[in-house]
Structures are given as C-alpha cells and as structure tokens.
Amino acid sequence: MQIAILTFDGFSELDSFIAAGILNRMKSQGWAAHITCPTQEVTSMAGVTIQRQKPLEFLADADAVLIGSGIKTRDYAADPTFLSHLPLDPTRQLIGAQCSGTLLLAKLGLIGDLPACTDLTTKPWVIEAGVNVVDAPFAAHGNVATAGGCLASQYLAAWMIARLATQRDAEEAIRYVAPVGEKAEYVQRAMAAVTPFLHVGEIRAA
C-alpha cells in the first residue's frame, strides 16, 4: 500500500507525523506512507522545515490519501487552481482528512451533507461549505473519513489499517505507539472510535 500524507506549508506536525508514524508500522507488509507536498519544502506552524518525500503528482497513484491540517489550509481551499491539482478518487482510494483538511474535502465535493468532523477553529468554515459538522473525533462514510483534533490522527491511521489490512493489524499498530501502562486503554479507545464505521456503506479500496 502506498499512502500519501498531504502536507502543506503551515502544517500541523501532529497531524502529518503521527499518522505517518503509525501507518509505517505496516512497513513489513509492504506499506509506505510518504509526506506529500505541493512544494519541495514546507514549514510547519511551529517553524519546522522539512523536505517532501513525494510531489503532488503522487496523489494520482496512491492507494490512500490522508490530508493534514495547518494554518494556511483555508487559503489552499479557496484556490480553484490548486484544488484542480488534487486528483482524489474515493471509488479507488481511501481518503481521510483531519481538522482543516476537512475543508478541502468539502470544497472538492467529497463530503456533501454527510456528517463530518473537524476542529473547532475550522468548524464555521466547513459549515459554510455546506457540511454537517458533528461533535465527534471521527466519522467515515464509505471510503472517506474525517477527524477532528490533532490527536485524532491515530483514529485516521487505525481506520485506514483496519480497512486495508485487518482490525488486528490496526490494534497492533496503536498498541505499539501507545504509552506504557496505558496500551489496552489506547487500543480500546481507538477501535471504539473507528469500528462502527468500518462496514457502513463500505466500498473496498482496490
């Protein structure tokens, strides 16, 4: 499985790096999650500059895409030219978005009026885009999922692993990164968030 972690200038480190770290726990099964950016370098909201692993064109070939958030996402969402370069296809890809990344999905017409999650700052903008925002950390419909809150990135990663591999694989990935002494609680919480959505309107990714 080749996964794109879509990361923009002004990104949240927690969104992109936590998801990438958990998904790459599946490396032994041939998975690879790549930080994918529109420019060669991007700088986080805290001033950390990184080199991209894949260019934006990689989105078209990825089996799954996760969209992180950041302080400039609203600007990207308002740019029709930029949006036209996001070839996301939920009929063949799993697609997840976190916090302000949900706004991009809304602008791309991938959510409609279905319940979706985002952070409290982005919530008014997502509602303005016609999306029914719910007070929950995670929601999914078919091949599209959304999450709200930086630490909800673990739910997106767990959902993706459970969908494209097995629920046991998802549990093991979360268990590995969970704090010592709290592993059972972390696994239970993560799976409780995503399990209700694993088979509702599911379209198995190719």
N, C-alpha and C. Protein backbone atom coordinates (compact mmCIF):
# COMPACT_ATOMS: atom_id res chain seq x y z
N MET A 1 0.82 -1.19 0.00
CA MET A 1 0.00 0.00 0.00
C MET A 1 0.87 1.25 0.00
N GLN A 2 0.62 2.14 -0.91
CA GLN A 2 1.32 3.41 -0.99
C GLN A 2 0.36 4.53 -0.55
N ILE A 3 0.77 5.26 0.47
CA ILE A 3 -0.11 6.24 1.09
C ILE A 3 0.52 7.63 1.03
N ALA A 4 -0.26 8.61 0.62
CA ALA A 4 0.17 10.00 0.59
C ALA A 4 -0.34 10.72 1.83
N ILE A 5 0.56 11.34 2.57
CA ILE A 5 0.18 12.20 3.68
C ILE A 5 0.29 13.63 3.16
N LEU A 6 -0.82 14.19 2.70
CA LEU A 6 -0.81 15.50 2.07
C LEU A 6 -0.53 16.58 3.11
N THR A 7 0.58 17.29 2.91
CA THR A 7 1.11 18.21 3.91
C THR A 7 1.43 19.54 3.25
N PHE A 8 0.91 20.63 3.84
CA PHE A 8 1.05 21.95 3.25
C PHE A 8 1.95 22.84 4.10
N ASP A 9 2.36 23.96 3.50
CA ASP A 9 3.07 24.97 4.25
C ASP A 9 2.17 25.44 5.41
N GLY A 10 2.76 25.58 6.59
CA GLY A 10 1.98 25.93 7.77
C GLY A 10 1.32 24.74 8.42
N PHE A 11 1.82 23.54 8.13
CA PHE A 11 1.16 22.32 8.58
C PHE A 11 1.29 22.07 10.09
N SER A 12 0.39 21.25 10.59
CA SER A 12 0.46 20.78 11.97
C SER A 12 1.33 19.53 12.02
N GLU A 13 2.40 19.57 12.80
CA GLU A 13 3.30 18.43 12.89
C GLU A 13 2.57 17.19 13.41
N LEU A 14 1.67 17.38 14.36
CA LEU A 14 0.97 16.24 14.94
C LEU A 14 0.12 15.50 13.91
N ASP A 15 -0.53 16.24 13.05
CA ASP A 15 -1.39 15.62 12.03
C ASP A 15 -0.58 14.73 11.09
N SER A 16 0.46 15.31 10.51
CA SER A 16 1.20 14.58 9.47
C SER A 16 2.10 13.50 10.04
N PHE A 17 2.84 13.81 11.10
CA PHE A 17 3.85 12.88 11.58
C PHE A 17 3.29 11.72 12.38
N ILE A 18 2.25 11.96 13.18
CA ILE A 18 1.66 10.85 13.94
C ILE A 18 1.05 9.83 12.98
N ALA A 19 0.27 10.31 12.02
CA ALA A 19 -0.35 9.39 11.06
C ALA A 19 0.71 8.63 10.27
N ALA A 20 1.74 9.34 9.81
CA ALA A 20 2.80 8.68 9.04
C ALA A 20 3.52 7.63 9.89
N GLY A 21 3.79 7.97 11.15
CA GLY A 21 4.48 7.04 12.01
C GLY A 21 3.70 5.77 12.27
N ILE A 22 2.40 5.91 12.51
CA ILE A 22 1.57 4.73 12.76
C ILE A 22 1.41 3.89 11.50
N LEU A 23 1.14 4.53 10.38
CA LEU A 23 0.95 3.79 9.13
C LEU A 23 2.22 3.06 8.71
N ASN A 24 3.36 3.65 8.98
CA ASN A 24 4.61 3.00 8.60
C ASN A 24 4.98 1.85 9.53
N ARG A 25 4.19 1.61 10.57
CA ARG A 25 4.34 0.38 11.35
C ARG A 25 3.99 -0.83 10.50
N MET A 26 3.33 -0.59 9.36
CA MET A 26 2.94 -1.66 8.44
C MET A 26 3.99 -1.90 7.35
N LYS A 27 5.17 -1.36 7.54
CA LYS A 27 6.23 -1.48 6.54
C LYS A 27 6.55 -2.93 6.21
N SER A 28 6.50 -3.81 7.21
CA SER A 28 6.82 -5.21 6.97
C SER A 28 5.83 -5.89 6.04
N GLN A 29 4.63 -5.27 5.88
CA GLN A 29 3.63 -5.81 4.96
C GLN A 29 3.62 -5.06 3.62
N GLY A 30 4.66 -4.28 3.39
CA GLY A 30 4.80 -3.60 2.11
C GLY A 30 4.17 -2.23 2.05
N TRP A 31 3.77 -1.68 3.20
CA TRP A 31 3.17 -0.35 3.22
C TRP A 31 4.25 0.72 3.29
N ALA A 32 3.93 1.90 2.75
CA ALA A 32 4.79 3.07 2.89
C ALA A 32 3.93 4.32 2.86
N ALA A 33 4.06 5.13 3.90
CA ALA A 33 3.36 6.42 3.97
C ALA A 33 4.37 7.52 3.70
N HIS A 34 4.07 8.39 2.74
CA HIS A 34 5.01 9.40 2.28
C HIS A 34 4.46 10.81 2.55
N ILE A 35 5.29 11.68 3.10
CA ILE A 35 4.92 13.08 3.22
C ILE A 35 4.89 13.68 1.82
N THR A 36 3.72 14.10 1.39
CA THR A 36 3.49 14.54 0.01
C THR A 36 3.11 16.01 0.02
N CYS A 37 3.84 16.82 -0.73
CA CYS A 37 3.68 18.28 -0.64
C CYS A 37 3.64 18.93 -2.03
N PRO A 38 3.01 20.10 -2.13
CA PRO A 38 2.98 20.82 -3.41
C PRO A 38 4.30 21.51 -3.73
N THR A 39 5.18 21.67 -2.74
CA THR A 39 6.48 22.31 -2.95
C THR A 39 7.58 21.42 -2.37
N GLN A 40 8.81 21.67 -2.78
CA GLN A 40 9.94 20.85 -2.34
C GLN A 40 10.12 20.89 -0.82
N GLU A 41 9.89 22.06 -0.24
CA GLU A 41 9.98 22.23 1.20
C GLU A 41 8.69 22.83 1.74
N VAL A 42 8.33 22.46 2.95
CA VAL A 42 7.22 23.09 3.65
C VAL A 42 7.66 23.36 5.08
N THR A 43 7.12 24.42 5.66
CA THR A 43 7.46 24.79 7.03
C THR A 43 6.22 24.71 7.89
N SER A 44 6.34 24.05 9.02
CA SER A 44 5.19 23.85 9.90
C SER A 44 4.79 25.14 10.60
N MET A 45 3.66 25.10 11.26
CA MET A 45 3.19 26.26 12.01
C MET A 45 4.14 26.62 13.15
N ALA A 46 4.97 25.68 13.57
CA ALA A 46 5.94 25.94 14.64
C ALA A 46 7.32 26.27 14.09
N GLY A 47 7.43 26.37 12.76
CA GLY A 47 8.69 26.77 12.16
C GLY A 47 9.64 25.65 11.80
N VAL A 48 9.15 24.41 11.77
CA VAL A 48 9.99 23.26 11.39
C VAL A 48 9.90 23.06 9.87
N THR A 49 11.03 23.16 9.18
CA THR A 49 11.06 23.00 7.73
C THR A 49 11.49 21.59 7.37
N ILE A 50 10.73 20.95 6.48
CA ILE A 50 11.03 19.58 6.06
C ILE A 50 11.05 19.49 4.54
N GLN A 51 11.71 18.44 4.04
CA GLN A 51 11.72 18.13 2.63
C GLN A 51 10.60 17.13 2.34
N ARG A 52 9.89 17.35 1.26
CA ARG A 52 8.85 16.40 0.89
C ARG A 52 9.47 15.08 0.46
N GLN A 53 8.70 14.00 0.61
CA GLN A 53 9.12 12.69 0.11
C GLN A 53 8.54 12.40 -1.26
N LYS A 54 7.36 12.97 -1.52
CA LYS A 54 6.70 12.78 -2.81
C LYS A 54 6.09 14.09 -3.26
N PRO A 55 6.07 14.33 -4.59
CA PRO A 55 5.40 15.52 -5.12
C PRO A 55 3.89 15.33 -5.17
N LEU A 56 3.18 16.40 -5.47
CA LEU A 56 1.72 16.36 -5.50
C LEU A 56 1.20 15.34 -6.51
N GLU A 57 1.95 15.11 -7.57
CA GLU A 57 1.52 14.17 -8.61
C GLU A 57 1.36 12.74 -8.08
N PHE A 58 2.00 12.44 -6.96
CA PHE A 58 1.91 11.12 -6.36
C PHE A 58 0.49 10.78 -5.93
N LEU A 59 -0.34 11.81 -5.69
CA LEU A 59 -1.72 11.57 -5.25
C LEU A 59 -2.47 10.68 -6.23
N ALA A 60 -2.21 10.83 -7.50
CA ALA A 60 -2.94 10.06 -8.51
C ALA A 60 -2.63 8.58 -8.44
N ASP A 61 -1.45 8.22 -7.93
CA ASP A 61 -1.04 6.82 -7.88
C ASP A 61 -1.23 6.18 -6.51
N ALA A 62 -1.48 6.98 -5.49
CA ALA A 62 -1.57 6.47 -4.13
C ALA A 62 -2.81 5.60 -3.93
N ASP A 63 -2.66 4.57 -3.10
CA ASP A 63 -3.80 3.73 -2.74
C ASP A 63 -4.69 4.43 -1.71
N ALA A 64 -4.09 5.33 -0.95
CA ALA A 64 -4.83 6.05 0.09
C ALA A 64 -4.19 7.42 0.28
N VAL A 65 -5.01 8.37 0.74
CA VAL A 65 -4.54 9.74 0.96
C VAL A 65 -5.06 10.23 2.29
N LEU A 66 -4.17 10.78 3.10
CA LEU A 66 -4.57 11.47 4.33
C LEU A 66 -4.19 12.93 4.20
N ILE A 67 -5.14 13.81 4.51
CA ILE A 67 -4.90 15.25 4.39
C ILE A 67 -4.79 15.84 5.79
N GLY A 68 -3.61 16.35 6.11
CA GLY A 68 -3.42 17.00 7.39
C GLY A 68 -3.95 18.42 7.38
N SER A 69 -3.79 19.11 8.49
CA SER A 69 -4.29 20.48 8.58
C SER A 69 -3.14 21.45 8.77
N GLY A 70 -3.47 22.72 8.81
CA GLY A 70 -2.46 23.75 9.01
C GLY A 70 -3.07 25.13 8.98
N ILE A 71 -2.24 26.12 9.27
CA ILE A 71 -2.75 27.48 9.39
C ILE A 71 -3.02 28.14 8.04
N LYS A 72 -2.59 27.51 6.94
CA LYS A 72 -2.81 28.07 5.61
C LYS A 72 -3.80 27.26 4.77
N THR A 73 -4.41 26.23 5.38
CA THR A 73 -5.29 25.35 4.61
C THR A 73 -6.47 26.11 4.01
N ARG A 74 -6.97 27.10 4.74
CA ARG A 74 -8.11 27.86 4.21
C ARG A 74 -7.74 28.56 2.91
N ASP A 75 -6.50 29.04 2.82
CA ASP A 75 -6.05 29.68 1.58
C ASP A 75 -5.99 28.68 0.44
N TYR A 76 -5.46 27.49 0.72
CA TYR A 76 -5.42 26.44 -0.30
C TYR A 76 -6.83 26.07 -0.75
N ALA A 77 -7.76 25.98 0.19
CA ALA A 77 -9.13 25.59 -0.12
C ALA A 77 -9.85 26.63 -0.97
N ALA A 78 -9.37 27.86 -0.92
CA ALA A 78 -10.01 28.94 -1.68
C ALA A 78 -9.38 29.13 -3.06
N ASP A 79 -8.43 28.27 -3.41
CA ASP A 79 -7.71 28.40 -4.68
C ASP A 79 -8.19 27.32 -5.66
N PRO A 80 -9.06 27.67 -6.61
CA PRO A 80 -9.58 26.68 -7.56
C PRO A 80 -8.49 25.98 -8.37
N THR A 81 -7.43 26.70 -8.71
CA THR A 81 -6.34 26.10 -9.48
C THR A 81 -5.65 25.02 -8.67
N PHE A 82 -5.40 25.30 -7.41
CA PHE A 82 -4.78 24.30 -6.56
C PHE A 82 -5.68 23.09 -6.40
N LEU A 83 -6.96 23.32 -6.15
CA LEU A 83 -7.89 22.21 -5.97
C LEU A 83 -7.96 21.32 -7.21
N SER A 84 -7.78 21.92 -8.38
CA SER A 84 -7.84 21.14 -9.62
C SER A 84 -6.66 20.19 -9.75
N HIS A 85 -5.64 20.38 -8.91
CA HIS A 85 -4.47 19.50 -8.95
C HIS A 85 -4.50 18.45 -7.85
N LEU A 86 -5.69 18.22 -7.30
CA LEU A 86 -5.85 17.19 -6.28
C LEU A 86 -6.75 16.09 -6.85
N PRO A 87 -6.17 15.12 -7.55
CA PRO A 87 -6.97 14.08 -8.23
C PRO A 87 -7.40 12.97 -7.28
N LEU A 88 -8.23 13.30 -6.30
CA LEU A 88 -8.68 12.31 -5.33
C LEU A 88 -9.89 11.55 -5.88
N ASP A 89 -9.88 10.23 -5.70
CA ASP A 89 -10.93 9.39 -6.26
C ASP A 89 -11.39 8.36 -5.23
N PRO A 90 -12.48 8.62 -4.52
CA PRO A 90 -12.94 7.70 -3.48
C PRO A 90 -13.47 6.37 -4.00
N THR A 91 -13.60 6.23 -5.31
CA THR A 91 -14.01 4.92 -5.84
C THR A 91 -12.86 3.93 -5.86
N ARG A 92 -11.62 4.44 -5.76
CA ARG A 92 -10.46 3.55 -5.78
C ARG A 92 -9.44 3.85 -4.69
N GLN A 93 -9.66 4.92 -3.93
CA GLN A 93 -8.73 5.30 -2.87
C GLN A 93 -9.47 5.44 -1.54
N LEU A 94 -8.78 5.15 -0.45
CA LEU A 94 -9.27 5.58 0.85
C LEU A 94 -8.78 7.01 1.06
N ILE A 95 -9.66 7.87 1.53
CA ILE A 95 -9.33 9.28 1.69
C ILE A 95 -9.72 9.72 3.09
N GLY A 96 -8.78 10.27 3.82
CA GLY A 96 -9.06 10.78 5.15
C GLY A 96 -8.58 12.21 5.29
N ALA A 97 -9.26 12.98 6.11
CA ALA A 97 -8.85 14.37 6.34
C ALA A 97 -9.00 14.71 7.81
N GLN A 98 -8.12 15.59 8.26
CA GLN A 98 -8.11 15.96 9.66
C GLN A 98 -8.23 17.46 9.82
N CYS A 99 -9.07 17.88 10.74
CA CYS A 99 -9.22 19.29 11.09
C CYS A 99 -9.49 20.13 9.84
N SER A 100 -8.62 21.09 9.52
CA SER A 100 -8.89 21.95 8.37
C SER A 100 -8.77 21.20 7.05
N GLY A 101 -8.18 20.01 7.07
CA GLY A 101 -8.17 19.19 5.86
C GLY A 101 -9.58 18.83 5.41
N THR A 102 -10.51 18.78 6.37
CA THR A 102 -11.92 18.50 6.04
C THR A 102 -12.48 19.58 5.12
N LEU A 103 -11.99 20.81 5.28
CA LEU A 103 -12.45 21.90 4.42
C LEU A 103 -12.07 21.63 2.96
N LEU A 104 -10.90 21.05 2.74
CA LEU A 104 -10.51 20.71 1.37
C LEU A 104 -11.44 19.67 0.78
N LEU A 105 -11.79 18.65 1.57
CA LEU A 105 -12.73 17.63 1.08
C LEU A 105 -14.08 18.25 0.75
N ALA A 106 -14.50 19.19 1.58
CA ALA A 106 -15.78 19.87 1.34
C ALA A 106 -15.74 20.63 0.02
N LYS A 107 -14.65 21.35 -0.20
CA LYS A 107 -14.52 22.14 -1.43
C LYS A 107 -14.41 21.25 -2.67
N LEU A 108 -13.90 20.03 -2.48
CA LEU A 108 -13.78 19.09 -3.59
C LEU A 108 -15.07 18.31 -3.82
N GLY A 109 -16.07 18.53 -2.97
CA GLY A 109 -17.35 17.86 -3.12
C GLY A 109 -17.35 16.40 -2.70
N LEU A 110 -16.42 16.03 -1.81
CA LEU A 110 -16.30 14.64 -1.41
C LEU A 110 -17.04 14.32 -0.11
N ILE A 111 -17.70 15.30 0.48
CA ILE A 111 -18.45 15.07 1.71
C ILE A 111 -19.94 15.30 1.53
N GLY A 112 -20.29 16.34 0.78
CA GLY A 112 -21.71 16.67 0.62
C GLY A 112 -22.30 17.10 1.95
N ASP A 113 -23.51 16.60 2.26
CA ASP A 113 -24.14 16.96 3.53
C ASP A 113 -24.02 15.84 4.57
N LEU A 114 -23.10 14.90 4.34
CA LEU A 114 -22.89 13.82 5.30
C LEU A 114 -22.21 14.34 6.56
N PRO A 115 -22.46 13.73 7.71
CA PRO A 115 -21.80 14.15 8.94
C PRO A 115 -20.28 14.05 8.82
N ALA A 116 -19.58 15.07 9.28
CA ALA A 116 -18.12 15.09 9.19
C ALA A 116 -17.54 15.75 10.43
N CYS A 117 -16.25 15.53 10.64
CA CYS A 117 -15.56 16.06 11.82
C CYS A 117 -14.48 17.05 11.41
N THR A 118 -14.25 18.01 12.27
CA THR A 118 -13.18 18.98 12.07
C THR A 118 -12.83 19.59 13.41
N ASP A 119 -11.87 20.50 13.44
CA ASP A 119 -11.53 21.17 14.69
C ASP A 119 -12.44 22.37 14.92
N LEU A 120 -12.42 22.92 16.12
CA LEU A 120 -13.35 24.00 16.47
C LEU A 120 -13.07 25.28 15.69
N THR A 121 -11.80 25.53 15.37
CA THR A 121 -11.46 26.75 14.62
C THR A 121 -12.00 26.68 13.20
N THR A 122 -11.88 25.52 12.57
CA THR A 122 -12.30 25.34 11.17
C THR A 122 -13.80 25.13 11.04
N LYS A 123 -14.46 24.73 12.10
CA LYS A 123 -15.86 24.34 12.06
C LYS A 123 -16.76 25.34 11.33
N PRO A 124 -16.68 26.65 11.61
CA PRO A 124 -17.57 27.59 10.90
C PRO A 124 -17.36 27.59 9.39
N TRP A 125 -16.12 27.43 8.95
CA TRP A 125 -15.82 27.45 7.52
C TRP A 125 -16.35 26.19 6.85
N VAL A 126 -16.25 25.04 7.54
CA VAL A 126 -16.75 23.79 6.97
C VAL A 126 -18.27 23.81 6.89
N ILE A 127 -18.91 24.36 7.91
CA ILE A 127 -20.37 24.52 7.88
C ILE A 127 -20.78 25.43 6.74
N GLU A 128 -20.03 26.51 6.56
CA GLU A 128 -20.30 27.45 5.47
C GLU A 128 -20.21 26.77 4.12
N ALA A 129 -19.36 25.74 4.03
CA ALA A 129 -19.19 24.99 2.78
C ALA A 129 -20.31 23.97 2.58
N GLY A 130 -21.27 23.91 3.52
CA GLY A 130 -22.43 23.04 3.36
C GLY A 130 -22.33 21.70 4.03
N VAL A 131 -21.34 21.52 4.90
CA VAL A 131 -21.13 20.23 5.55
C VAL A 131 -21.80 20.20 6.92
N ASN A 132 -22.35 19.05 7.26
CA ASN A 132 -22.96 18.83 8.57
C ASN A 132 -21.86 18.40 9.55
N VAL A 133 -21.34 19.33 10.33
CA VAL A 133 -20.26 19.05 11.26
C VAL A 133 -20.83 18.48 12.56
N VAL A 134 -20.27 17.35 13.01
CA VAL A 134 -20.73 16.71 14.24
C VAL A 134 -19.67 16.84 15.33
N ASP A 135 -20.11 16.81 16.56
CA ASP A 135 -19.22 16.92 17.71
C ASP A 135 -18.67 15.54 18.05
N ALA A 136 -17.71 15.10 17.26
CA ALA A 136 -17.14 13.76 17.40
C ALA A 136 -15.71 13.78 16.89
N PRO A 137 -14.87 12.84 17.34
CA PRO A 137 -13.49 12.83 16.89
C PRO A 137 -13.28 12.19 15.52
N PHE A 138 -14.25 11.35 15.10
CA PHE A 138 -14.05 10.58 13.87
C PHE A 138 -15.39 10.19 13.26
N ALA A 139 -15.45 10.23 11.95
CA ALA A 139 -16.61 9.74 11.21
C ALA A 139 -16.15 9.30 9.83
N ALA A 140 -16.79 8.28 9.28
CA ALA A 140 -16.44 7.81 7.95
C ALA A 140 -17.69 7.37 7.21
N HIS A 141 -17.65 7.52 5.89
CA HIS A 141 -18.75 7.10 5.02
C HIS A 141 -18.11 6.50 3.78
N GLY A 142 -18.26 5.18 3.63
CA GLY A 142 -17.60 4.52 2.52
C GLY A 142 -16.10 4.68 2.61
N ASN A 143 -15.49 5.23 1.58
CA ASN A 143 -14.04 5.37 1.52
C ASN A 143 -13.53 6.72 1.97
N VAL A 144 -14.39 7.54 2.58
CA VAL A 144 -13.99 8.88 3.00
C VAL A 144 -14.18 9.02 4.50
N ALA A 145 -13.14 9.49 5.19
CA ALA A 145 -13.20 9.66 6.64
C ALA A 145 -12.71 11.05 7.02
N THR A 146 -13.22 11.55 8.15
CA THR A 146 -12.77 12.84 8.67
C THR A 146 -12.54 12.70 10.17
N ALA A 147 -11.64 13.53 10.69
CA ALA A 147 -11.33 13.51 12.11
C ALA A 147 -11.14 14.93 12.61
N GLY A 148 -11.42 15.15 13.89
CA GLY A 148 -11.28 16.47 14.48
C GLY A 148 -10.38 16.44 15.70
N GLY A 149 -9.38 17.31 15.73
CA GLY A 149 -8.44 17.37 16.83
C GLY A 149 -7.12 16.72 16.45
N CYS A 150 -6.00 17.36 16.82
CA CYS A 150 -4.68 16.88 16.39
C CYS A 150 -4.44 15.41 16.74
N LEU A 151 -4.79 14.99 17.95
CA LEU A 151 -4.51 13.63 18.36
C LEU A 151 -5.49 12.62 17.77
N ALA A 152 -6.47 13.10 17.02
CA ALA A 152 -7.38 12.19 16.32
C ALA A 152 -6.70 11.57 15.10
N SER A 153 -5.47 11.97 14.81
CA SER A 153 -4.74 11.36 13.70
C SER A 153 -4.57 9.86 13.90
N GLN A 154 -4.52 9.42 15.17
CA GLN A 154 -4.42 7.98 15.42
C GLN A 154 -5.66 7.25 14.94
N TYR A 155 -6.82 7.91 14.98
CA TYR A 155 -8.05 7.27 14.53
C TYR A 155 -8.05 7.11 13.02
N LEU A 156 -7.58 8.12 12.31
CA LEU A 156 -7.49 8.01 10.85
C LEU A 156 -6.54 6.88 10.45
N ALA A 157 -5.41 6.79 11.13
CA ALA A 157 -4.45 5.73 10.82
C ALA A 157 -5.04 4.36 11.14
N ALA A 158 -5.69 4.23 12.29
CA ALA A 158 -6.29 2.94 12.67
C ALA A 158 -7.37 2.53 11.68
N TRP A 159 -8.20 3.48 11.26
CA TRP A 159 -9.26 3.20 10.28
C TRP A 159 -8.66 2.71 8.97
N MET A 160 -7.60 3.38 8.53
CA MET A 160 -7.01 3.03 7.26
C MET A 160 -6.39 1.62 7.31
N ILE A 161 -5.72 1.32 8.41
CA ILE A 161 -5.12 -0.01 8.54
C ILE A 161 -6.21 -1.08 8.64
N ALA A 162 -7.26 -0.81 9.41
CA ALA A 162 -8.35 -1.79 9.55
C ALA A 162 -9.04 -2.02 8.22
N ARG A 163 -9.18 -0.98 7.41
CA ARG A 163 -9.84 -1.13 6.11
C ARG A 163 -8.97 -1.86 5.09
N LEU A 164 -7.68 -1.53 5.05
CA LEU A 164 -6.82 -2.06 4.00
C LEU A 164 -6.03 -3.29 4.43
N ALA A 165 -6.06 -3.59 5.72
CA ALA A 165 -5.45 -4.82 6.23
C ALA A 165 -6.48 -5.50 7.12
N THR A 166 -6.26 -5.55 8.44
CA THR A 166 -7.22 -6.17 9.35
C THR A 166 -7.35 -5.32 10.61
N GLN A 167 -8.42 -5.56 11.35
CA GLN A 167 -8.60 -4.86 12.61
C GLN A 167 -7.47 -5.22 13.58
N ARG A 168 -7.01 -6.45 13.54
CA ARG A 168 -5.91 -6.84 14.42
C ARG A 168 -4.64 -6.05 14.10
N ASP A 169 -4.39 -5.84 12.82
CA ASP A 169 -3.23 -5.03 12.44
C ASP A 169 -3.36 -3.62 12.99
N ALA A 170 -4.57 -3.06 12.93
CA ALA A 170 -4.81 -1.72 13.45
C ALA A 170 -4.56 -1.68 14.95
N GLU A 171 -5.06 -2.68 15.65
CA GLU A 171 -4.87 -2.75 17.10
C GLU A 171 -3.39 -2.83 17.45
N GLU A 172 -2.64 -3.63 16.72
CA GLU A 172 -1.22 -3.80 17.00
C GLU A 172 -0.44 -2.51 16.73
N ALA A 173 -0.82 -1.80 15.69
CA ALA A 173 -0.14 -0.53 15.37
C ALA A 173 -0.38 0.50 16.47
N ILE A 174 -1.62 0.59 16.95
CA ILE A 174 -1.92 1.54 18.02
C ILE A 174 -1.24 1.10 19.32
N ARG A 175 -1.25 -0.20 19.58
CA ARG A 175 -0.61 -0.71 20.80
C ARG A 175 0.88 -0.36 20.82
N TYR A 176 1.52 -0.43 19.69
CA TYR A 176 2.95 -0.15 19.63
C TYR A 176 3.27 1.28 20.04
N VAL A 177 2.47 2.24 19.59
CA VAL A 177 2.77 3.66 19.85
C VAL A 177 2.17 4.17 21.15
N ALA A 178 1.27 3.41 21.76
CA ALA A 178 0.59 3.86 22.99
C ALA A 178 1.56 3.90 24.17
N PRO A 179 1.31 4.77 25.14
CA PRO A 179 2.16 4.85 26.32
C PRO A 179 2.18 3.53 27.10
N VAL A 180 3.32 3.22 27.68
CA VAL A 180 3.45 2.04 28.52
C VAL A 180 2.51 2.18 29.72
N GLY A 181 1.83 1.08 30.02
CA GLY A 181 0.88 1.09 31.12
C GLY A 181 -0.51 1.53 30.74
N GLU A 182 -0.65 2.04 29.50
CA GLU A 182 -1.96 2.51 29.03
C GLU A 182 -2.31 1.92 27.67
N LYS A 183 -1.60 0.91 27.26
CA LYS A 183 -1.77 0.38 25.91
C LYS A 183 -3.16 -0.18 25.68
N ALA A 184 -3.69 -0.93 26.62
CA ALA A 184 -5.03 -1.50 26.44
C ALA A 184 -6.07 -0.41 26.30
N GLU A 185 -5.95 0.65 27.11
CA GLU A 185 -6.91 1.74 27.04
C GLU A 185 -6.85 2.47 25.71
N TYR A 186 -5.64 2.70 25.20
CA TYR A 186 -5.48 3.40 23.93
C TYR A 186 -6.06 2.58 22.77
N VAL A 187 -5.78 1.29 22.77
CA VAL A 187 -6.31 0.43 21.72
C VAL A 187 -7.83 0.40 21.77
N GLN A 188 -8.38 0.26 22.97
CA GLN A 188 -9.83 0.20 23.11
C GLN A 188 -10.48 1.49 22.63
N ARG A 189 -9.89 2.63 22.99
CA ARG A 189 -10.46 3.92 22.59
C ARG A 189 -10.41 4.10 21.09
N ALA A 190 -9.26 3.76 20.50
CA ALA A 190 -9.11 3.95 19.05
C ALA A 190 -10.08 3.06 18.28
N MET A 191 -10.18 1.80 18.67
CA MET A 191 -11.04 0.89 17.94
C MET A 191 -12.52 1.20 18.18
N ALA A 192 -12.85 1.70 19.36
CA ALA A 192 -14.24 2.11 19.61
C ALA A 192 -14.64 3.27 18.71
N ALA A 193 -13.67 4.14 18.38
CA ALA A 193 -13.97 5.28 17.51
C ALA A 193 -14.17 4.87 16.07
N VAL A 194 -13.39 3.89 15.59
CA VAL A 194 -13.43 3.58 14.16
C VAL A 194 -14.27 2.37 13.78
N THR A 195 -14.40 1.40 14.68
CA THR A 195 -15.09 0.15 14.33
C THR A 195 -16.52 0.35 13.82
N PRO A 196 -17.31 1.27 14.41
CA PRO A 196 -18.68 1.44 13.89
C PRO A 196 -18.74 1.89 12.43
N PHE A 197 -17.63 2.40 11.92
CA PHE A 197 -17.62 2.94 10.56
C PHE A 197 -16.92 2.03 9.55
N LEU A 198 -16.47 0.88 9.98
CA LEU A 198 -15.68 0.05 9.07
C LEU A 198 -16.50 -0.59 7.96
N HIS A 199 -17.77 -0.83 8.19
CA HIS A 199 -18.57 -1.55 7.20
C HIS A 199 -19.83 -0.79 6.77
N VAL A 200 -19.97 0.46 7.22
CA VAL A 200 -21.14 1.23 6.86
C VAL A 200 -20.91 1.89 5.50
N GLY A 201 -21.67 1.46 4.51
CA GLY A 201 -21.53 1.99 3.15
C GLY A 201 -20.15 1.74 2.58
N GLU A 202 -19.54 0.65 3.00
CA GLU A 202 -18.17 0.38 2.61
C GLU A 202 -18.03 0.03 1.13
N ILE A 203 -17.05 0.65 0.51
CA ILE A 203 -16.64 0.29 -0.84
C ILE A 203 -15.18 -0.09 -0.74
N ARG A 204 -14.86 -1.33 -0.85
CA ARG A 204 -13.49 -1.79 -0.63
C ARG A 204 -12.55 -1.13 -1.61
N ALA A 205 -11.48 -0.54 -1.08
CA ALA A 205 -10.49 0.11 -1.95
C ALA A 205 -9.78 -0.95 -2.80
N ALA A 206 -9.47 -0.57 -4.03
CA ALA A 206 -8.80 -1.51 -4.94
C ALA A 206 -7.38 -1.78 -4.49
